[in-house]
């Protein structure tokens, strides 16, 4: 029927974990377990492109000035960006993903959406496909990838972030509100620190707070 909404679990979002840093650790096993920081150097004005989870424990984050990252994590291993290498690995990952559907939509070098509407009869349930993707990326490339599964892109992307790293999370239609309402607004796609602060000044802290607003209320105040 035209206009009918598909509430089945048919969208998968795949997001490689700390991708640049993971590639560096994979290419140089001596870096595994160490706080790897990719982008800039402590002596330059560069910014952090990404960092390993070991570095994140010290408060290092993407887009942070490298000098600040050095102060937070003086033992960090700073490495230059090797985009050519990351693109090479990215193509290998996307080749695996495209085995499960022709409807693959890369949205960056390290993440993509899959629409498996027409291929579940071939490869099994959405969860089975997600777990097989995770297994292959790990066994063939030595990397971990987080997978989110839902009935639309927005929720699939949100789901992939909930159990990072190396997670798999499913948000079915009948549990979507229960799962997302308590989450902080920063879990929403596109809401960064500045937006969080602006929303908090308006008393808005959770996804549920946003959902409860009258239509147009937020646009009137934030544009």
N, C-alpha and C. Protein backbone atom coordinates (compact mmCIF):
# COMPACT_ATOMS: atom_id res chain seq x y z
N UNK A 1 0.84 -1.19 0.00
CA UNK A 1 0.00 0.00 0.00
C UNK A 1 0.89 1.25 0.00
N UNK A 2 0.59 2.20 -0.86
CA UNK A 2 1.37 3.42 -0.95
C UNK A 2 1.34 4.18 0.36
N UNK A 3 2.51 4.61 0.82
CA UNK A 3 2.58 5.39 2.06
C UNK A 3 2.64 4.55 3.31
N UNK A 4 2.57 3.23 3.19
CA UNK A 4 2.62 2.37 4.37
C UNK A 4 4.03 2.37 4.95
N UNK A 5 4.12 2.54 6.27
CA UNK A 5 5.41 2.58 6.95
C UNK A 5 5.87 1.16 7.27
N UNK A 6 7.12 0.87 6.97
CA UNK A 6 7.69 -0.45 7.25
C UNK A 6 8.27 -0.45 8.66
N UNK A 7 7.63 -1.16 9.58
CA UNK A 7 8.10 -1.23 10.96
C UNK A 7 8.92 -2.49 11.23
N UNK A 8 9.25 -3.23 10.20
CA UNK A 8 10.08 -4.42 10.40
C UNK A 8 11.54 -4.01 10.60
N UNK A 9 12.31 -4.90 11.19
CA UNK A 9 13.73 -4.63 11.41
C UNK A 9 14.47 -4.87 10.09
N UNK A 10 14.66 -3.81 9.31
CA UNK A 10 15.28 -3.98 8.00
C UNK A 10 16.44 -3.03 7.73
N UNK A 11 16.75 -2.15 8.68
CA UNK A 11 17.86 -1.22 8.51
C UNK A 11 18.97 -1.56 9.51
N UNK A 12 20.18 -1.71 9.00
CA UNK A 12 21.35 -1.97 9.84
C UNK A 12 22.33 -0.81 9.68
N UNK A 13 22.82 -0.31 10.80
CA UNK A 13 23.89 0.70 10.76
C UNK A 13 25.15 0.05 11.31
N UNK A 14 26.22 0.11 10.53
CA UNK A 14 27.50 -0.48 10.92
C UNK A 14 28.51 0.64 11.13
N UNK A 15 29.17 0.64 12.28
CA UNK A 15 30.09 1.72 12.64
C UNK A 15 31.37 1.12 13.23
N UNK A 16 32.47 1.25 12.51
CA UNK A 16 33.75 0.73 12.99
C UNK A 16 34.18 1.47 14.25
N UNK A 17 34.75 0.76 15.19
CA UNK A 17 35.10 1.32 16.50
C UNK A 17 36.46 2.01 16.45
N UNK A 18 36.49 3.32 16.79
CA UNK A 18 37.74 4.09 16.84
C UNK A 18 38.60 3.76 15.62
N UNK A 19 38.03 3.94 14.45
CA UNK A 19 38.55 3.33 13.22
C UNK A 19 40.02 3.64 12.96
N UNK A 20 40.40 4.90 12.87
CA UNK A 20 41.79 5.22 12.52
C UNK A 20 42.75 4.59 13.53
N UNK A 21 42.44 4.76 14.81
CA UNK A 21 43.31 4.22 15.86
C UNK A 21 43.34 2.69 15.80
N UNK A 22 42.20 2.08 15.51
CA UNK A 22 42.14 0.62 15.43
C UNK A 22 42.99 0.10 14.28
N UNK A 23 42.98 0.81 13.15
CA UNK A 23 43.83 0.41 12.02
C UNK A 23 45.30 0.50 12.41
N UNK A 24 45.67 1.58 13.10
CA UNK A 24 47.07 1.73 13.52
C UNK A 24 47.47 0.61 14.48
N UNK A 25 46.60 0.27 15.41
CA UNK A 25 46.91 -0.81 16.35
C UNK A 25 46.96 -2.16 15.65
N UNK A 26 46.11 -2.33 14.65
CA UNK A 26 46.09 -3.58 13.91
C UNK A 26 47.34 -3.73 13.04
N UNK A 27 47.78 -2.63 12.44
CA UNK A 27 48.97 -2.66 11.60
C UNK A 27 50.25 -2.78 12.42
N UNK A 28 50.21 -2.30 13.65
CA UNK A 28 51.38 -2.33 14.53
C UNK A 28 50.95 -2.91 15.88
N UNK A 29 50.99 -4.23 16.02
CA UNK A 29 50.48 -4.88 17.24
C UNK A 29 51.11 -4.38 18.53
N UNK A 30 52.29 -3.77 18.47
CA UNK A 30 52.91 -3.24 19.69
C UNK A 30 52.10 -2.09 20.28
N UNK A 31 51.18 -1.52 19.48
CA UNK A 31 50.36 -0.41 19.95
C UNK A 31 49.07 -0.88 20.63
N UNK A 32 48.78 -2.17 20.54
CA UNK A 32 47.54 -2.67 21.14
C UNK A 32 47.59 -2.51 22.65
N UNK A 33 46.49 -2.00 23.20
CA UNK A 33 46.42 -1.76 24.64
C UNK A 33 46.98 -0.42 25.06
N UNK A 34 47.55 0.33 24.10
CA UNK A 34 48.13 1.63 24.43
C UNK A 34 47.19 2.76 23.99
N UNK A 35 47.30 3.93 24.63
CA UNK A 35 46.45 5.06 24.24
C UNK A 35 46.96 5.71 22.96
N UNK A 36 46.36 5.34 21.85
CA UNK A 36 46.77 5.84 20.53
C UNK A 36 45.92 7.04 20.16
N UNK A 37 46.58 8.12 19.73
CA UNK A 37 45.90 9.36 19.37
C UNK A 37 46.32 9.72 17.95
N UNK A 38 45.35 9.73 17.04
CA UNK A 38 45.64 9.97 15.63
C UNK A 38 45.25 11.40 15.26
N UNK A 39 46.18 12.13 14.65
CA UNK A 39 45.91 13.48 14.19
C UNK A 39 46.70 14.51 14.97
N UNK A 40 47.45 15.34 14.26
CA UNK A 40 48.23 16.36 14.93
C UNK A 40 49.35 15.75 15.74
N UNK A 41 50.00 16.60 16.51
CA UNK A 41 51.02 16.15 17.45
C UNK A 41 50.96 17.07 18.65
N UNK A 42 51.51 16.64 19.74
CA UNK A 42 51.44 17.44 20.96
C UNK A 42 52.10 18.80 20.78
N UNK A 43 53.04 18.91 19.85
CA UNK A 43 53.77 20.17 19.66
C UNK A 43 53.13 21.06 18.59
N UNK A 44 52.09 20.57 17.92
CA UNK A 44 51.48 21.34 16.83
C UNK A 44 50.13 21.90 17.24
N UNK A 45 49.53 22.63 16.32
CA UNK A 45 48.19 23.15 16.57
C UNK A 45 47.11 22.23 16.01
N UNK A 46 47.50 21.03 15.64
CA UNK A 46 46.55 20.11 15.07
C UNK A 46 45.51 19.66 16.07
N UNK A 47 44.50 18.94 15.57
CA UNK A 47 43.45 18.42 16.43
C UNK A 47 43.42 16.90 16.31
N UNK A 48 42.83 16.28 17.29
CA UNK A 48 42.69 14.83 17.32
C UNK A 48 41.64 14.40 16.29
N UNK A 49 42.01 13.52 15.38
CA UNK A 49 41.03 12.97 14.43
C UNK A 49 40.22 11.86 15.10
N UNK A 50 40.90 10.97 15.76
CA UNK A 50 40.25 9.96 16.59
C UNK A 50 41.28 9.40 17.55
N UNK A 51 40.82 8.62 18.49
CA UNK A 51 41.74 8.04 19.47
C UNK A 51 41.20 6.69 19.91
N UNK A 52 42.09 5.87 20.42
CA UNK A 52 41.70 4.55 20.89
C UNK A 52 40.89 4.66 22.18
N UNK A 53 40.22 3.58 22.53
CA UNK A 53 39.43 3.59 23.76
C UNK A 53 40.32 3.71 24.99
N UNK A 54 41.57 3.27 24.87
CA UNK A 54 42.51 3.45 25.98
C UNK A 54 42.76 4.93 26.23
N UNK A 55 42.84 5.73 25.15
CA UNK A 55 43.04 7.18 25.30
C UNK A 55 41.78 7.87 25.80
N UNK A 56 40.63 7.35 25.41
CA UNK A 56 39.37 7.98 25.83
C UNK A 56 39.17 7.88 27.34
N UNK A 57 39.77 6.89 27.96
CA UNK A 57 39.67 6.76 29.42
C UNK A 57 40.31 7.95 30.13
N UNK A 58 41.20 8.66 29.43
CA UNK A 58 41.86 9.84 30.01
C UNK A 58 41.12 11.13 29.66
N UNK A 59 40.01 11.01 28.93
CA UNK A 59 39.25 12.19 28.56
C UNK A 59 39.56 12.73 27.18
N UNK A 60 40.42 12.06 26.44
CA UNK A 60 40.74 12.51 25.08
C UNK A 60 39.55 12.23 24.17
N UNK A 61 39.25 13.19 23.29
CA UNK A 61 38.12 13.07 22.38
C UNK A 61 38.48 13.58 20.99
N UNK A 62 37.72 13.16 20.00
CA UNK A 62 37.90 13.67 18.64
C UNK A 62 37.66 15.17 18.62
N UNK A 63 38.39 15.87 17.73
CA UNK A 63 38.29 17.32 17.53
C UNK A 63 38.91 18.13 18.67
N UNK A 64 39.51 17.46 19.62
CA UNK A 64 40.20 18.15 20.73
C UNK A 64 41.57 18.62 20.25
N UNK A 65 42.03 19.80 20.66
CA UNK A 65 43.39 20.22 20.32
C UNK A 65 44.41 19.19 20.80
N UNK A 66 45.39 18.92 19.96
CA UNK A 66 46.38 17.89 20.30
C UNK A 66 47.13 18.24 21.58
N UNK A 67 47.40 19.53 21.79
CA UNK A 67 48.11 19.93 23.00
C UNK A 67 47.30 19.60 24.25
N UNK A 68 45.98 19.78 24.17
CA UNK A 68 45.12 19.43 25.30
C UNK A 68 45.13 17.92 25.52
N UNK A 69 45.11 17.17 24.43
CA UNK A 69 45.16 15.71 24.54
C UNK A 69 46.44 15.27 25.23
N UNK A 70 47.55 15.94 24.92
CA UNK A 70 48.82 15.61 25.56
C UNK A 70 48.77 15.88 27.06
N UNK A 71 48.12 16.97 27.45
CA UNK A 71 48.02 17.27 28.89
C UNK A 71 47.19 16.21 29.61
N UNK A 72 46.11 15.77 28.96
CA UNK A 72 45.25 14.77 29.57
C UNK A 72 45.89 13.38 29.58
N UNK A 73 46.67 13.10 28.54
CA UNK A 73 47.23 11.76 28.37
C UNK A 73 48.69 11.86 27.93
N UNK A 74 49.59 12.24 28.84
CA UNK A 74 50.99 12.44 28.46
C UNK A 74 51.67 11.18 27.92
N UNK A 75 51.15 10.02 28.28
CA UNK A 75 51.73 8.77 27.78
C UNK A 75 51.15 8.35 26.43
N UNK A 76 50.28 9.18 25.86
CA UNK A 76 49.65 8.84 24.59
C UNK A 76 50.65 8.72 23.45
N UNK A 77 50.33 7.83 22.52
CA UNK A 77 51.15 7.65 21.31
C UNK A 77 50.49 8.45 20.19
N UNK A 78 51.10 9.57 19.80
CA UNK A 78 50.55 10.44 18.77
C UNK A 78 51.03 9.99 17.39
N UNK A 79 50.09 9.82 16.47
CA UNK A 79 50.41 9.35 15.12
C UNK A 79 49.76 10.25 14.08
N UNK A 80 50.40 10.42 12.93
CA UNK A 80 49.80 11.22 11.86
C UNK A 80 48.67 10.45 11.18
N UNK A 81 47.77 11.19 10.56
CA UNK A 81 46.68 10.57 9.80
C UNK A 81 47.25 9.92 8.54
N UNK A 82 46.86 8.67 8.30
CA UNK A 82 47.25 7.96 7.08
C UNK A 82 45.99 7.65 6.28
N UNK A 83 45.41 8.68 5.68
CA UNK A 83 44.10 8.52 5.05
C UNK A 83 44.09 7.47 3.94
N UNK A 84 45.17 7.39 3.19
CA UNK A 84 45.22 6.40 2.11
C UNK A 84 45.05 4.98 2.67
N UNK A 85 45.67 4.71 3.80
CA UNK A 85 45.56 3.39 4.42
C UNK A 85 44.14 3.18 4.96
N UNK A 86 43.57 4.20 5.58
CA UNK A 86 42.22 4.06 6.14
C UNK A 86 41.20 3.81 5.03
N UNK A 87 41.38 4.49 3.90
CA UNK A 87 40.48 4.28 2.77
C UNK A 87 40.60 2.86 2.22
N UNK A 88 41.82 2.35 2.20
CA UNK A 88 42.05 0.97 1.74
C UNK A 88 41.28 -0.02 2.62
N UNK A 89 41.39 0.14 3.93
CA UNK A 89 40.69 -0.76 4.85
C UNK A 89 39.18 -0.53 4.76
N UNK A 90 38.77 0.72 4.61
CA UNK A 90 37.36 1.04 4.48
C UNK A 90 36.74 0.30 3.30
N UNK A 91 37.42 0.29 2.16
CA UNK A 91 36.91 -0.42 0.99
C UNK A 91 36.77 -1.92 1.27
N UNK A 92 37.68 -2.47 2.05
CA UNK A 92 37.60 -3.89 2.40
C UNK A 92 36.38 -4.17 3.28
N UNK A 93 36.12 -3.26 4.22
CA UNK A 93 34.95 -3.42 5.08
C UNK A 93 33.67 -3.31 4.26
N UNK A 94 33.60 -2.30 3.39
CA UNK A 94 32.39 -2.11 2.59
C UNK A 94 32.16 -3.27 1.63
N UNK A 95 33.23 -3.92 1.21
CA UNK A 95 33.08 -5.11 0.36
C UNK A 95 32.38 -6.22 1.12
N UNK A 96 32.71 -6.37 2.41
CA UNK A 96 32.03 -7.36 3.25
C UNK A 96 30.56 -6.98 3.40
N UNK A 97 30.29 -5.72 3.72
CA UNK A 97 28.91 -5.29 3.93
C UNK A 97 28.05 -5.49 2.69
N UNK A 98 28.62 -5.22 1.52
CA UNK A 98 27.85 -5.32 0.28
C UNK A 98 27.53 -6.76 -0.10
N UNK A 99 28.14 -7.73 0.58
CA UNK A 99 27.79 -9.13 0.35
C UNK A 99 26.37 -9.44 0.82
N UNK A 100 25.81 -8.58 1.70
CA UNK A 100 24.52 -8.89 2.33
C UNK A 100 23.36 -8.10 1.75
N UNK A 101 23.65 -7.13 0.91
CA UNK A 101 22.60 -6.37 0.23
C UNK A 101 23.23 -5.44 -0.79
N UNK A 102 22.56 -5.23 -1.93
CA UNK A 102 23.04 -4.21 -2.86
C UNK A 102 22.71 -2.80 -2.37
N UNK A 103 21.85 -2.72 -1.36
CA UNK A 103 21.41 -1.42 -0.85
C UNK A 103 22.28 -1.01 0.33
N UNK A 104 23.54 -0.70 0.03
CA UNK A 104 24.47 -0.22 1.04
C UNK A 104 24.73 1.26 0.81
N UNK A 105 24.67 2.05 1.88
CA UNK A 105 24.86 3.50 1.78
C UNK A 105 25.98 3.94 2.73
N UNK A 106 27.21 4.05 2.24
CA UNK A 106 28.27 4.59 3.10
C UNK A 106 27.96 6.04 3.45
N UNK A 107 28.17 6.43 4.70
CA UNK A 107 27.96 7.83 5.08
C UNK A 107 29.25 8.47 5.58
N UNK A 108 30.29 7.68 5.71
CA UNK A 108 31.62 8.19 6.00
C UNK A 108 32.59 7.04 5.74
N UNK A 109 33.86 7.27 6.01
CA UNK A 109 34.86 6.24 5.75
C UNK A 109 34.69 5.04 6.66
N UNK A 110 34.00 5.22 7.80
CA UNK A 110 33.93 4.13 8.78
C UNK A 110 32.51 3.72 9.17
N UNK A 111 31.52 4.13 8.41
CA UNK A 111 30.15 3.71 8.75
C UNK A 111 29.27 3.67 7.52
N UNK A 112 28.23 2.83 7.59
CA UNK A 112 27.33 2.67 6.46
C UNK A 112 25.99 2.13 6.94
N UNK A 113 24.96 2.43 6.16
CA UNK A 113 23.64 1.85 6.36
C UNK A 113 23.44 0.71 5.38
N UNK A 114 22.74 -0.33 5.83
CA UNK A 114 22.33 -1.43 4.96
C UNK A 114 20.83 -1.56 5.04
N UNK A 115 20.18 -1.70 3.89
CA UNK A 115 18.75 -2.03 3.83
C UNK A 115 18.66 -3.49 3.41
N UNK A 116 18.25 -4.34 4.35
CA UNK A 116 18.23 -5.79 4.08
C UNK A 116 16.83 -6.30 3.79
N UNK A 117 15.93 -5.40 3.38
CA UNK A 117 14.53 -5.78 3.14
C UNK A 117 14.42 -6.98 2.20
N UNK A 118 15.22 -7.00 1.15
CA UNK A 118 15.06 -8.04 0.14
C UNK A 118 16.02 -9.20 0.25
N UNK A 119 16.84 -9.22 1.29
CA UNK A 119 17.87 -10.27 1.35
C UNK A 119 17.79 -11.16 2.60
N UNK A 120 16.80 -10.93 3.46
CA UNK A 120 16.73 -11.72 4.69
C UNK A 120 16.45 -13.19 4.42
N UNK A 121 15.73 -13.48 3.34
CA UNK A 121 15.48 -14.88 3.01
C UNK A 121 16.76 -15.61 2.65
N UNK A 122 17.76 -14.86 2.18
CA UNK A 122 19.04 -15.46 1.81
C UNK A 122 19.97 -15.62 3.00
N UNK A 123 19.96 -14.63 3.90
CA UNK A 123 21.00 -14.57 4.93
C UNK A 123 20.49 -14.72 6.36
N UNK A 124 19.19 -14.82 6.55
CA UNK A 124 18.67 -15.02 7.89
C UNK A 124 18.12 -13.74 8.51
N UNK A 125 17.90 -13.80 9.80
CA UNK A 125 17.29 -12.69 10.53
C UNK A 125 18.24 -11.49 10.56
N UNK A 126 17.71 -10.29 10.84
CA UNK A 126 18.58 -9.12 10.97
C UNK A 126 19.68 -9.33 12.01
N UNK A 127 19.34 -9.94 13.14
CA UNK A 127 20.37 -10.18 14.16
C UNK A 127 21.44 -11.14 13.64
N UNK A 128 21.01 -12.18 12.93
CA UNK A 128 21.98 -13.14 12.38
C UNK A 128 22.91 -12.46 11.39
N UNK A 129 22.36 -11.58 10.56
CA UNK A 129 23.18 -10.85 9.59
C UNK A 129 24.16 -9.94 10.32
N UNK A 130 23.67 -9.23 11.34
CA UNK A 130 24.54 -8.35 12.11
C UNK A 130 25.69 -9.10 12.76
N UNK A 131 25.39 -10.24 13.34
CA UNK A 131 26.44 -11.02 14.01
C UNK A 131 27.44 -11.60 13.00
N UNK A 132 26.95 -11.98 11.82
CA UNK A 132 27.85 -12.50 10.80
C UNK A 132 28.77 -11.40 10.28
N UNK A 133 28.24 -10.19 10.12
CA UNK A 133 29.08 -9.06 9.70
C UNK A 133 30.17 -8.82 10.73
N UNK A 134 29.81 -8.81 12.00
CA UNK A 134 30.79 -8.59 13.07
C UNK A 134 31.86 -9.68 13.04
N UNK A 135 31.43 -10.92 12.86
CA UNK A 135 32.38 -12.03 12.85
C UNK A 135 33.37 -11.90 11.70
N UNK A 136 32.86 -11.56 10.52
CA UNK A 136 33.73 -11.47 9.35
C UNK A 136 34.70 -10.30 9.44
N UNK A 137 34.21 -9.15 9.90
CA UNK A 137 35.10 -7.99 10.01
C UNK A 137 36.24 -8.29 10.99
N UNK A 138 35.90 -8.99 12.06
CA UNK A 138 36.94 -9.34 13.04
C UNK A 138 37.90 -10.40 12.47
N UNK A 139 37.36 -11.45 11.90
CA UNK A 139 38.21 -12.56 11.45
C UNK A 139 39.01 -12.21 10.20
N UNK A 140 38.43 -11.44 9.29
CA UNK A 140 39.10 -11.14 8.03
C UNK A 140 39.98 -9.90 8.10
N UNK A 141 39.61 -8.93 8.95
CA UNK A 141 40.34 -7.66 8.99
C UNK A 141 40.93 -7.33 10.35
N UNK A 142 40.56 -8.09 11.39
CA UNK A 142 41.11 -7.84 12.71
C UNK A 142 40.55 -6.61 13.39
N UNK A 143 39.37 -6.15 12.97
CA UNK A 143 38.76 -4.95 13.53
C UNK A 143 37.42 -5.28 14.17
N UNK A 144 36.98 -4.41 15.08
CA UNK A 144 35.64 -4.57 15.65
C UNK A 144 34.72 -3.52 15.05
N UNK A 145 33.46 -3.90 14.94
CA UNK A 145 32.45 -3.01 14.36
C UNK A 145 31.19 -3.11 15.20
N UNK A 146 30.59 -1.98 15.49
CA UNK A 146 29.35 -1.95 16.26
C UNK A 146 28.17 -1.89 15.29
N UNK A 147 27.12 -2.62 15.62
CA UNK A 147 25.98 -2.78 14.73
C UNK A 147 24.70 -2.37 15.44
N UNK A 148 23.92 -1.54 14.77
CA UNK A 148 22.60 -1.16 15.27
C UNK A 148 21.54 -1.59 14.27
N UNK A 149 20.44 -2.13 14.77
CA UNK A 149 19.39 -2.65 13.90
C UNK A 149 18.06 -2.06 14.33
N UNK A 150 17.32 -1.52 13.37
CA UNK A 150 16.00 -0.99 13.69
C UNK A 150 15.17 -0.89 12.41
N UNK A 151 14.07 -0.13 12.49
CA UNK A 151 13.16 -0.03 11.36
C UNK A 151 13.33 1.29 10.60
N UNK A 152 14.26 2.16 11.05
CA UNK A 152 14.60 3.35 10.27
C UNK A 152 16.06 3.71 10.55
N UNK A 153 16.59 4.61 9.73
CA UNK A 153 18.01 4.97 9.84
C UNK A 153 18.32 5.66 11.16
N UNK A 154 17.45 6.56 11.56
CA UNK A 154 17.69 7.33 12.78
C UNK A 154 17.91 6.40 13.97
N UNK A 155 17.03 5.43 14.14
CA UNK A 155 17.13 4.53 15.29
C UNK A 155 18.24 3.50 15.12
N UNK A 156 18.50 3.07 13.89
CA UNK A 156 19.60 2.12 13.67
C UNK A 156 20.94 2.76 14.03
N UNK A 157 21.12 4.02 13.64
CA UNK A 157 22.37 4.71 13.98
C UNK A 157 22.47 4.92 15.48
N UNK A 158 21.37 5.30 16.11
CA UNK A 158 21.38 5.47 17.56
C UNK A 158 21.72 4.15 18.24
N UNK A 159 21.14 3.06 17.74
CA UNK A 159 21.37 1.74 18.34
C UNK A 159 22.83 1.32 18.26
N UNK A 160 23.50 1.62 17.15
CA UNK A 160 24.89 1.19 17.00
C UNK A 160 25.80 1.87 18.02
N UNK A 161 25.37 3.00 18.55
CA UNK A 161 26.18 3.75 19.50
C UNK A 161 25.93 3.33 20.95
N UNK A 162 24.87 2.57 21.19
CA UNK A 162 24.47 2.29 22.58
C UNK A 162 25.37 1.27 23.27
N UNK A 163 25.91 0.32 22.53
CA UNK A 163 26.73 -0.73 23.16
C UNK A 163 28.17 -0.73 22.67
N UNK A 164 28.68 0.43 22.28
CA UNK A 164 30.07 0.50 21.82
C UNK A 164 31.04 0.28 22.97
N UNK A 165 32.23 -0.27 22.64
CA UNK A 165 32.65 -0.81 21.34
C UNK A 165 32.24 -2.26 21.16
N UNK A 166 32.26 -2.69 19.91
CA UNK A 166 32.03 -4.09 19.54
C UNK A 166 30.65 -4.57 19.96
N UNK A 167 29.65 -3.68 19.87
CA UNK A 167 28.32 -4.03 20.32
C UNK A 167 27.37 -4.40 19.19
N UNK A 168 26.23 -4.93 19.60
CA UNK A 168 25.10 -5.15 18.70
C UNK A 168 23.85 -4.81 19.49
N UNK A 169 23.07 -3.88 18.97
CA UNK A 169 21.87 -3.43 19.68
C UNK A 169 20.71 -3.38 18.70
N UNK A 170 19.56 -3.84 19.16
CA UNK A 170 18.35 -3.86 18.34
C UNK A 170 17.29 -2.98 19.00
N UNK A 171 16.69 -2.09 18.21
CA UNK A 171 15.57 -1.28 18.70
C UNK A 171 14.34 -1.62 17.87
N UNK A 172 13.49 -2.52 18.37
CA UNK A 172 12.27 -2.87 17.63
C UNK A 172 11.21 -1.79 17.79
N UNK A 173 10.26 -1.78 16.89
CA UNK A 173 9.22 -0.76 16.88
C UNK A 173 8.47 -0.70 18.21
N UNK A 174 8.13 -1.86 18.76
CA UNK A 174 7.28 -1.87 19.96
C UNK A 174 8.03 -1.51 21.24
N UNK A 175 9.36 -1.32 21.15
CA UNK A 175 10.12 -0.93 22.34
C UNK A 175 10.90 0.37 22.13
N UNK A 176 10.69 1.01 21.00
CA UNK A 176 11.50 2.18 20.65
C UNK A 176 11.39 3.29 21.69
N UNK A 177 10.18 3.67 22.06
CA UNK A 177 10.01 4.77 23.02
C UNK A 177 10.61 4.40 24.37
N UNK A 178 10.38 3.19 24.80
CA UNK A 178 10.92 2.73 26.08
C UNK A 178 12.45 2.85 26.12
N UNK A 179 13.09 2.56 25.00
CA UNK A 179 14.55 2.57 24.94
C UNK A 179 15.11 3.97 24.81
N UNK A 180 14.49 4.80 23.96
CA UNK A 180 15.13 6.09 23.65
C UNK A 180 14.73 7.24 24.56
N UNK A 181 13.56 7.20 25.19
CA UNK A 181 13.12 8.35 25.98
C UNK A 181 14.08 8.72 27.12
N UNK A 182 14.68 7.77 27.84
CA UNK A 182 15.57 8.16 28.95
C UNK A 182 16.96 8.63 28.49
N UNK A 183 17.28 8.48 27.22
CA UNK A 183 18.63 8.78 26.76
C UNK A 183 18.91 10.28 26.77
N UNK A 184 20.15 10.69 27.03
CA UNK A 184 20.49 12.11 26.95
C UNK A 184 20.37 12.61 25.51
N UNK A 185 20.09 13.91 25.36
CA UNK A 185 19.88 14.45 24.02
C UNK A 185 21.12 14.31 23.14
N UNK A 186 22.29 14.18 23.74
CA UNK A 186 23.51 14.03 22.95
C UNK A 186 23.54 12.72 22.18
N UNK A 187 22.64 11.80 22.49
CA UNK A 187 22.55 10.56 21.72
C UNK A 187 21.88 10.80 20.36
N UNK A 188 21.21 11.93 20.21
CA UNK A 188 20.54 12.23 18.96
C UNK A 188 21.56 12.64 17.91
N UNK A 189 21.37 12.16 16.70
CA UNK A 189 22.25 12.45 15.58
C UNK A 189 22.33 13.96 15.37
N UNK A 190 23.53 14.53 15.44
CA UNK A 190 23.71 15.95 15.17
C UNK A 190 23.70 16.84 16.38
N UNK A 191 23.41 16.31 17.56
CA UNK A 191 23.40 17.12 18.78
C UNK A 191 24.77 17.01 19.45
N UNK A 192 25.54 18.10 19.34
CA UNK A 192 26.86 18.14 19.96
C UNK A 192 26.83 18.90 21.28
N UNK A 193 28.00 19.28 21.75
CA UNK A 193 28.11 19.91 23.06
C UNK A 193 27.42 21.27 23.10
N UNK A 194 27.59 22.08 22.04
CA UNK A 194 26.96 23.41 22.04
C UNK A 194 25.44 23.29 22.05
N UNK A 195 24.92 22.38 21.24
CA UNK A 195 23.46 22.18 21.22
C UNK A 195 22.98 21.64 22.56
N UNK A 196 23.77 20.75 23.16
CA UNK A 196 23.38 20.22 24.47
C UNK A 196 23.26 21.34 25.50
N UNK A 197 24.22 22.23 25.51
CA UNK A 197 24.19 23.34 26.47
C UNK A 197 22.99 24.24 26.23
N UNK A 198 22.70 24.52 24.95
CA UNK A 198 21.55 25.37 24.63
C UNK A 198 20.24 24.71 25.06
N UNK A 199 20.13 23.41 24.81
CA UNK A 199 18.92 22.68 25.20
C UNK A 199 18.79 22.61 26.72
N UNK A 200 19.91 22.41 27.39
CA UNK A 200 19.86 22.31 28.85
C UNK A 200 19.40 23.62 29.48
N UNK A 201 19.78 24.74 28.86
CA UNK A 201 19.32 26.04 29.37
C UNK A 201 17.81 26.17 29.26
N UNK A 202 17.24 25.41 28.34
CA UNK A 202 15.78 25.40 28.18
C UNK A 202 15.12 24.30 29.00
N UNK A 203 15.92 23.60 29.80
CA UNK A 203 15.39 22.54 30.65
C UNK A 203 15.21 21.22 29.94
N UNK A 204 15.88 21.06 28.81
CA UNK A 204 15.73 19.85 28.00
C UNK A 204 16.99 19.01 28.12
N UNK A 205 16.88 17.83 28.71
CA UNK A 205 18.05 16.98 28.94
C UNK A 205 17.96 15.61 28.28
N UNK A 206 16.76 15.11 28.08
CA UNK A 206 16.60 13.77 27.54
C UNK A 206 15.82 13.78 26.23
N UNK A 207 15.89 12.66 25.52
CA UNK A 207 15.11 12.51 24.29
C UNK A 207 13.62 12.64 24.61
N UNK A 208 13.21 12.10 25.75
CA UNK A 208 11.81 12.22 26.15
C UNK A 208 11.38 13.66 26.33
N UNK A 209 12.28 14.49 26.87
CA UNK A 209 11.97 15.92 27.01
C UNK A 209 11.68 16.55 25.66
N UNK A 210 12.46 16.18 24.65
CA UNK A 210 12.25 16.71 23.30
C UNK A 210 10.92 16.24 22.75
N UNK A 211 10.62 14.96 22.94
CA UNK A 211 9.38 14.40 22.41
C UNK A 211 8.14 15.05 23.02
N UNK A 212 8.26 15.50 24.25
CA UNK A 212 7.11 16.06 24.95
C UNK A 212 6.84 17.53 24.62
N UNK A 213 7.73 18.16 23.85
CA UNK A 213 7.55 19.58 23.53
C UNK A 213 6.42 19.77 22.53
N UNK A 214 5.67 20.87 22.65
CA UNK A 214 4.65 21.18 21.65
C UNK A 214 5.29 21.43 20.28
N UNK A 215 4.57 21.12 19.24
CA UNK A 215 5.06 21.34 17.88
C UNK A 215 5.46 22.80 17.68
N UNK A 216 6.66 23.02 17.19
CA UNK A 216 7.12 24.38 16.91
C UNK A 216 7.79 25.08 18.07
N UNK A 217 7.66 24.53 19.28
CA UNK A 217 8.20 25.22 20.47
C UNK A 217 9.72 25.37 20.37
N UNK A 218 10.40 24.30 19.98
CA UNK A 218 11.86 24.33 19.93
C UNK A 218 12.35 25.23 18.80
N UNK A 219 11.68 25.17 17.64
CA UNK A 219 12.09 26.00 16.51
C UNK A 219 11.97 27.48 16.83
N UNK A 220 10.95 27.85 17.58
CA UNK A 220 10.76 29.26 17.95
C UNK A 220 11.90 29.77 18.82
N UNK A 221 12.49 28.90 19.61
CA UNK A 221 13.51 29.32 20.56
C UNK A 221 14.94 29.12 20.07
N UNK A 222 15.12 28.17 19.17
CA UNK A 222 16.48 27.88 18.71
C UNK A 222 16.68 28.13 17.21
N UNK A 223 15.60 28.39 16.50
CA UNK A 223 15.72 28.66 15.08
C UNK A 223 15.86 27.41 14.23
